N, C-alpha and C. Protein backbone atom coordinates (compact mmCIF):
# COMPACT_ATOMS: atom_id res chain seq x y z
N ILE A 1 7.14 -1.22 -5.24
CA ILE A 1 7.10 0.11 -5.85
C ILE A 1 7.02 0.04 -7.37
N ALA A 2 6.43 -1.08 -7.86
CA ALA A 2 6.30 -0.79 -9.33
C ALA A 2 4.53 -1.11 -9.11
N ALA A 3 4.03 -1.62 -7.81
CA ALA A 3 2.51 -1.17 -7.88
C ALA A 3 2.34 -0.04 -7.52
N TYR A 4 2.97 0.98 -6.90
CA TYR A 4 2.51 2.51 -6.15
C TYR A 4 2.85 2.96 -7.93
N GLY A 5 3.81 2.87 -8.56
CA GLY A 5 4.37 3.60 -9.69
C GLY A 5 3.38 3.38 -10.40
N THR A 6 2.61 1.96 -10.92
CA THR A 6 1.59 2.25 -11.56
C THR A 6 0.18 2.82 -11.34
N ALA A 7 -0.12 2.23 -9.94
CA ALA A 7 -1.32 3.08 -9.29
C ALA A 7 -1.55 4.29 -9.21
N ALA A 8 -0.24 5.29 -9.21
CA ALA A 8 -0.54 6.63 -9.02
C ALA A 8 -0.01 7.21 -10.47
N LYS A 9 0.34 6.49 -11.31
CA LYS A 9 -0.12 6.72 -12.92
C LYS A 9 -1.11 6.56 -13.51
N TYR A 10 -1.79 5.36 -13.13
CA TYR A 10 -3.19 5.37 -13.76
C TYR A 10 -3.98 4.44 -12.63
N PRO A 11 -4.44 5.44 -11.65
CA PRO A 11 -5.77 5.54 -10.50
C PRO A 11 -7.05 4.59 -11.10
N GLU A 12 -7.26 5.18 -12.55
CA GLU A 12 -8.79 5.13 -12.80
C GLU A 12 -8.55 3.67 -13.10
N THR A 13 -7.53 2.64 -13.56
CA THR A 13 -7.66 1.42 -13.50
C THR A 13 -7.82 0.38 -12.45
N TYR A 14 -7.19 1.21 -11.30
CA TYR A 14 -7.23 0.02 -10.18
C TYR A 14 -8.21 0.62 -9.19
N ALA A 15 -8.86 -0.63 -8.34
CA ALA A 15 -9.78 -0.30 -7.75
C ALA A 15 -9.05 -0.02 -6.07
N ALA A 16 -7.97 -0.37 -6.31
CA ALA A 16 -7.22 -0.43 -4.73
C ALA A 16 -5.85 -0.69 -5.06
N VAL A 17 -4.68 -0.76 -4.58
CA VAL A 17 -3.05 -0.67 -4.42
C VAL A 17 -2.99 -1.13 -2.98
N ALA A 18 -1.82 -2.16 -2.92
CA ALA A 18 -0.81 -2.75 -1.97
C ALA A 18 0.33 -2.73 -2.25
N GLY A 19 1.19 -2.01 -2.14
CA GLY A 19 2.70 -2.50 -1.87
C GLY A 19 3.05 -3.49 -0.58
N VAL A 20 3.89 -4.33 -1.13
CA VAL A 20 4.27 -5.35 0.14
C VAL A 20 5.87 -5.21 0.34
N CYS A 21 6.21 -4.56 1.53
CA CYS A 21 7.68 -4.19 1.93
C CYS A 21 8.56 -3.40 0.83
N GLY A 22 7.81 -2.14 0.77
CA GLY A 22 8.52 -1.21 -0.32
C GLY A 22 7.96 0.25 0.00
N ALA A 23 8.12 0.88 -0.45
CA ALA A 23 7.34 2.45 -0.41
C ALA A 23 7.45 2.94 -1.85
N PHE A 24 6.95 4.57 -1.57
CA PHE A 24 6.75 5.54 -3.16
C PHE A 24 7.34 6.60 -2.88
N ALA A 25 7.79 7.29 -4.05
CA ALA A 25 8.43 8.43 -4.37
C ALA A 25 7.17 9.61 -4.31
N ASP A 26 7.33 10.80 -3.67
CA ASP A 26 7.05 11.66 -3.40
C ASP A 26 6.21 12.12 -4.43
N ASP A 27 6.63 12.31 -5.64
CA ASP A 27 6.30 12.77 -6.94
C ASP A 27 4.87 11.64 -7.21
N MET A 28 4.62 10.16 -6.29
CA MET A 28 3.33 9.31 -6.87
C MET A 28 2.42 9.94 -5.51
N ILE A 29 2.43 11.00 -4.93
CA ILE A 29 1.67 11.24 -3.66
C ILE A 29 0.24 11.39 -4.46
N GLU A 30 0.26 12.32 -4.90
CA GLU A 30 -1.04 12.67 -5.88
C GLU A 30 -1.78 11.74 -6.50
N GLY A 31 -1.24 10.87 -7.23
CA GLY A 31 -1.91 9.81 -7.86
C GLY A 31 -2.54 8.95 -6.85
N LEU A 32 -1.86 8.58 -6.07
CA LEU A 32 -2.10 7.55 -4.92
C LEU A 32 -3.14 8.24 -4.27
N THR A 33 -3.45 9.64 -4.11
CA THR A 33 -4.78 9.81 -3.23
C THR A 33 -5.88 9.29 -4.26
N LYS A 34 -5.69 9.28 -5.10
CA LYS A 34 -7.14 8.77 -5.94
C LYS A 34 -7.43 7.09 -6.07
N VAL A 35 -6.54 6.36 -5.03
CA VAL A 35 -6.79 5.29 -4.92
C VAL A 35 -6.68 4.45 -3.60
N PRO A 36 -7.59 3.80 -2.67
CA PRO A 36 -7.06 3.10 -1.57
C PRO A 36 -5.72 2.38 -1.64
N VAL A 37 -5.18 2.74 -0.44
CA VAL A 37 -3.44 2.32 -0.48
C VAL A 37 -3.39 1.40 0.78
N LEU A 38 -2.56 0.01 0.67
CA LEU A 38 -2.17 -0.54 1.41
C LEU A 38 -0.79 -0.56 1.92
N MET A 39 -0.08 -0.04 2.64
CA MET A 39 0.91 0.15 2.64
C MET A 39 1.45 -1.61 3.46
N PHE A 40 2.11 -2.47 3.36
CA PHE A 40 2.03 -3.81 4.03
C PHE A 40 3.71 -3.75 4.35
N ASN A 41 3.68 -3.94 5.24
CA ASN A 41 5.70 -3.51 5.73
C ASN A 41 5.79 -4.62 7.47
N VAL A 42 6.95 -4.80 7.41
CA VAL A 42 7.75 -5.24 8.35
C VAL A 42 8.43 -4.75 9.12
N GLN A 43 8.52 -4.86 10.38
CA GLN A 43 8.98 -3.52 11.25
C GLN A 43 10.74 -3.61 11.43
N LEU A 44 11.49 -4.98 11.05
CA LEU A 44 12.49 -5.02 10.79
C LEU A 44 13.28 -5.23 9.81
N ASP A 45 12.79 -4.21 8.32
CA ASP A 45 13.54 -4.35 7.51
C ASP A 45 14.53 -3.42 7.08
N LYS A 46 15.67 -3.58 6.96
CA LYS A 46 16.97 -2.81 6.61
C LYS A 46 16.77 -2.21 5.79
N THR A 47 15.93 -2.41 4.68
CA THR A 47 15.79 -1.80 3.33
C THR A 47 14.74 -0.44 3.31
N PHE A 48 13.54 -1.03 3.54
CA PHE A 48 12.53 0.20 4.10
C PHE A 48 11.99 0.54 5.42
N ASP A 49 13.15 1.20 5.95
CA ASP A 49 12.87 1.83 7.31
C ASP A 49 11.43 1.70 7.97
N ILE A 50 11.24 1.20 9.09
CA ILE A 50 9.40 1.03 9.57
C ILE A 50 9.28 2.81 9.85
N GLU A 51 9.94 3.20 10.42
CA GLU A 51 9.91 4.91 10.77
C GLU A 51 9.51 6.05 9.03
N ARG A 52 10.70 5.18 8.30
CA ARG A 52 10.30 5.85 7.09
C ARG A 52 8.71 5.84 6.46
N ILE A 53 8.63 4.38 6.52
CA ILE A 53 7.34 4.16 5.75
C ILE A 53 6.06 4.79 6.51
N ARG A 54 6.35 4.87 7.93
CA ARG A 54 5.32 5.53 8.77
C ARG A 54 5.32 6.82 8.24
N GLU A 55 6.31 7.55 8.25
CA GLU A 55 6.21 8.89 7.39
C GLU A 55 5.58 9.21 6.21
N LYS A 56 5.91 8.42 5.31
CA LYS A 56 5.32 7.77 3.83
C LYS A 56 3.59 7.97 4.02
N LYS A 57 3.63 7.06 5.06
CA LYS A 57 1.68 6.68 4.82
C LYS A 57 1.82 8.27 5.90
N SER A 58 2.05 9.13 6.60
CA SER A 58 1.21 10.64 6.92
C SER A 58 1.53 11.63 5.94
N GLU A 59 2.26 11.27 5.33
CA GLU A 59 2.35 12.30 3.63
C GLU A 59 1.15 12.22 2.83
N LEU A 60 1.05 10.79 2.86
CA LEU A 60 0.13 10.36 1.57
C LEU A 60 -1.39 10.83 2.79
N GLU A 61 -1.67 11.00 3.92
CA GLU A 61 -2.65 11.07 5.02
C GLU A 61 -2.82 12.44 4.49
N ALA A 62 -1.92 13.14 4.54
CA ALA A 62 -1.72 14.50 4.31
C ALA A 62 -2.68 14.98 3.30
N ALA A 63 -1.84 14.42 2.32
CA ALA A 63 -2.73 14.93 0.91
C ALA A 63 -3.98 14.75 0.48
N GLY A 64 -4.76 13.74 1.59
CA GLY A 64 -6.01 13.04 1.30
C GLY A 64 -6.14 11.88 1.21
N GLY A 65 -4.96 11.42 0.84
CA GLY A 65 -5.03 9.46 0.79
C GLY A 65 -5.85 9.06 1.33
N ASN A 66 -5.85 7.79 1.21
CA ASN A 66 -7.05 6.47 1.91
C ASN A 66 -5.80 5.50 2.04
N VAL A 67 -5.16 5.50 3.21
CA VAL A 67 -3.94 4.67 3.18
C VAL A 67 -4.12 4.05 4.88
N THR A 68 -3.90 2.53 4.83
CA THR A 68 -3.65 2.00 5.89
C THR A 68 -2.26 1.36 5.84
N LEU A 69 -1.89 1.34 6.90
CA LEU A 69 -0.62 0.89 7.27
C LEU A 69 -0.68 -0.21 7.98
N HIS A 70 -0.20 -1.90 7.17
CA HIS A 70 -0.06 -2.79 8.00
C HIS A 70 1.34 -3.02 8.53
N GLU A 71 1.47 -3.61 9.72
CA GLU A 71 2.78 -3.62 10.03
C GLU A 71 2.91 -5.38 10.67
N VAL A 72 4.15 -5.61 10.40
CA VAL A 72 4.16 -7.03 10.74
C VAL A 72 5.43 -7.19 11.86
N PRO A 73 5.42 -7.62 12.75
CA PRO A 73 6.70 -7.33 13.63
C PRO A 73 7.69 -8.91 13.31
N THR A 74 8.30 -8.75 12.15
CA THR A 74 9.43 -9.81 11.55
C THR A 74 10.18 -8.75 11.07
N LYS A 75 11.22 -9.45 10.26
CA LYS A 75 12.46 -9.03 9.40
C LYS A 75 11.61 -9.28 7.98
N HIS A 76 12.31 -8.75 6.91
CA HIS A 76 11.85 -8.89 5.24
C HIS A 76 12.03 -10.35 5.44
N GLY A 77 10.71 -10.64 4.65
CA GLY A 77 10.43 -11.93 4.01
C GLY A 77 9.71 -12.74 5.37
N GLY A 78 9.45 -12.47 6.63
CA GLY A 78 8.54 -13.06 7.43
C GLY A 78 7.36 -12.68 7.63
N TYR A 79 6.66 -12.33 7.00
CA TYR A 79 5.37 -11.88 6.21
C TYR A 79 4.89 -12.75 5.92
N ARG A 80 5.32 -13.88 5.26
CA ARG A 80 4.69 -14.92 4.03
C ARG A 80 4.07 -16.30 4.83
N ASN A 81 2.90 -15.54 5.27
CA ASN A 81 1.86 -16.57 5.88
C ASN A 81 0.20 -16.42 5.72
N LEU A 82 -0.18 -17.48 6.06
CA LEU A 82 -1.52 -17.15 6.18
C LEU A 82 -2.24 -16.04 6.39
N LYS A 83 -2.27 -15.89 7.52
CA LYS A 83 -2.33 -14.77 8.55
C LYS A 83 -2.14 -13.16 7.84
N SER A 84 -0.83 -12.66 7.08
CA SER A 84 -0.52 -11.91 6.41
C SER A 84 -1.51 -11.80 5.15
N TYR A 85 -1.62 -13.19 4.43
CA TYR A 85 -1.92 -12.63 3.50
C TYR A 85 -3.45 -12.97 3.32
N LYS A 86 -4.10 -13.01 4.53
CA LYS A 86 -5.18 -12.58 4.51
C LYS A 86 -5.86 -10.90 4.59
N VAL A 87 -4.73 -10.34 5.37
CA VAL A 87 -4.70 -8.68 5.28
C VAL A 87 -4.69 -8.42 4.09
N LEU A 88 -3.88 -8.93 3.06
CA LEU A 88 -4.39 -8.34 1.59
C LEU A 88 -5.12 -9.05 1.04
N PHE A 89 -5.80 -10.01 0.90
CA PHE A 89 -6.98 -10.63 0.69
C PHE A 89 -8.14 -10.07 1.36
N ASP A 90 -8.57 -9.71 2.33
CA ASP A 90 -9.55 -8.77 2.96
C ASP A 90 -9.58 -7.35 2.42
N PHE A 91 -8.27 -6.54 2.49
CA PHE A 91 -7.94 -5.59 1.88
C PHE A 91 -8.67 -4.85 0.11
N PHE A 92 -8.78 -6.06 -0.77
CA PHE A 92 -8.81 -6.26 -1.91
C PHE A 92 -10.44 -6.57 -2.31
N ASP A 93 -10.80 -7.42 -1.00
CA ASP A 93 -12.14 -7.72 -1.23
C ASP A 93 -13.44 -6.46 -0.83
N LYS A 94 -12.40 -6.00 0.21
CA LYS A 94 -13.08 -4.35 0.51
C LYS A 94 -13.26 -3.25 -0.35
N HIS A 95 -11.98 -3.79 -1.30
CA HIS A 95 -12.25 -1.94 -2.30
C HIS A 95 -12.91 -2.86 -3.91
N ARG A 96 -13.01 -3.88 -3.74
CA ARG A 96 -13.34 -4.73 -4.91
C ARG A 96 -14.85 -3.67 -5.65
N ARG A 97 -14.36 -3.75 -6.87
CA ARG A 97 -15.27 -3.15 -8.28
C ARG A 97 -16.53 -3.93 -8.70
N ASP A 98 -17.03 -3.47 -8.80
CA ASP A 98 -18.21 -4.38 -9.95
C ASP A 98 -17.85 -4.36 -11.29
N PRO A 99 -17.38 -5.58 -11.96
CA PRO A 99 -16.88 -5.73 -13.02
C PRO A 99 -17.70 -5.21 -14.30
N ALA A 100 -19.11 -5.08 -14.23
CA ALA A 100 -19.80 -4.40 -14.81
C ALA A 100 -19.90 -2.76 -14.79
N SER A 101 -18.93 -2.15 -13.96
CA SER A 101 -18.99 -0.83 -14.16
C SER A 101 -17.73 -0.54 -14.96
N PRO A 102 -17.85 0.90 -15.71
CA PRO A 102 -16.27 0.96 -16.30
C PRO A 102 -15.25 1.52 -15.54
């Protein structure tokens, strides 16, 4: 949640943002439209219901956001493996900025 909040407040600072097993508040949507977002959630999470996560993705898309939802068919904590981490690393590699650019 903190990753989303910081990126929403300072989108020019980030090339991309990923939230793992979390959601973002409605007041963050405008800022998150300015940065690519990866929502990385598990389908059996009791804290962050996957249906609500899907709704948040749709809200961000409707506002013009560049958002990807990656769902893992397991419970909270079950995403900790190399295959899941590769999704995160590939997302950030895809949105890498040139370090020489302001």
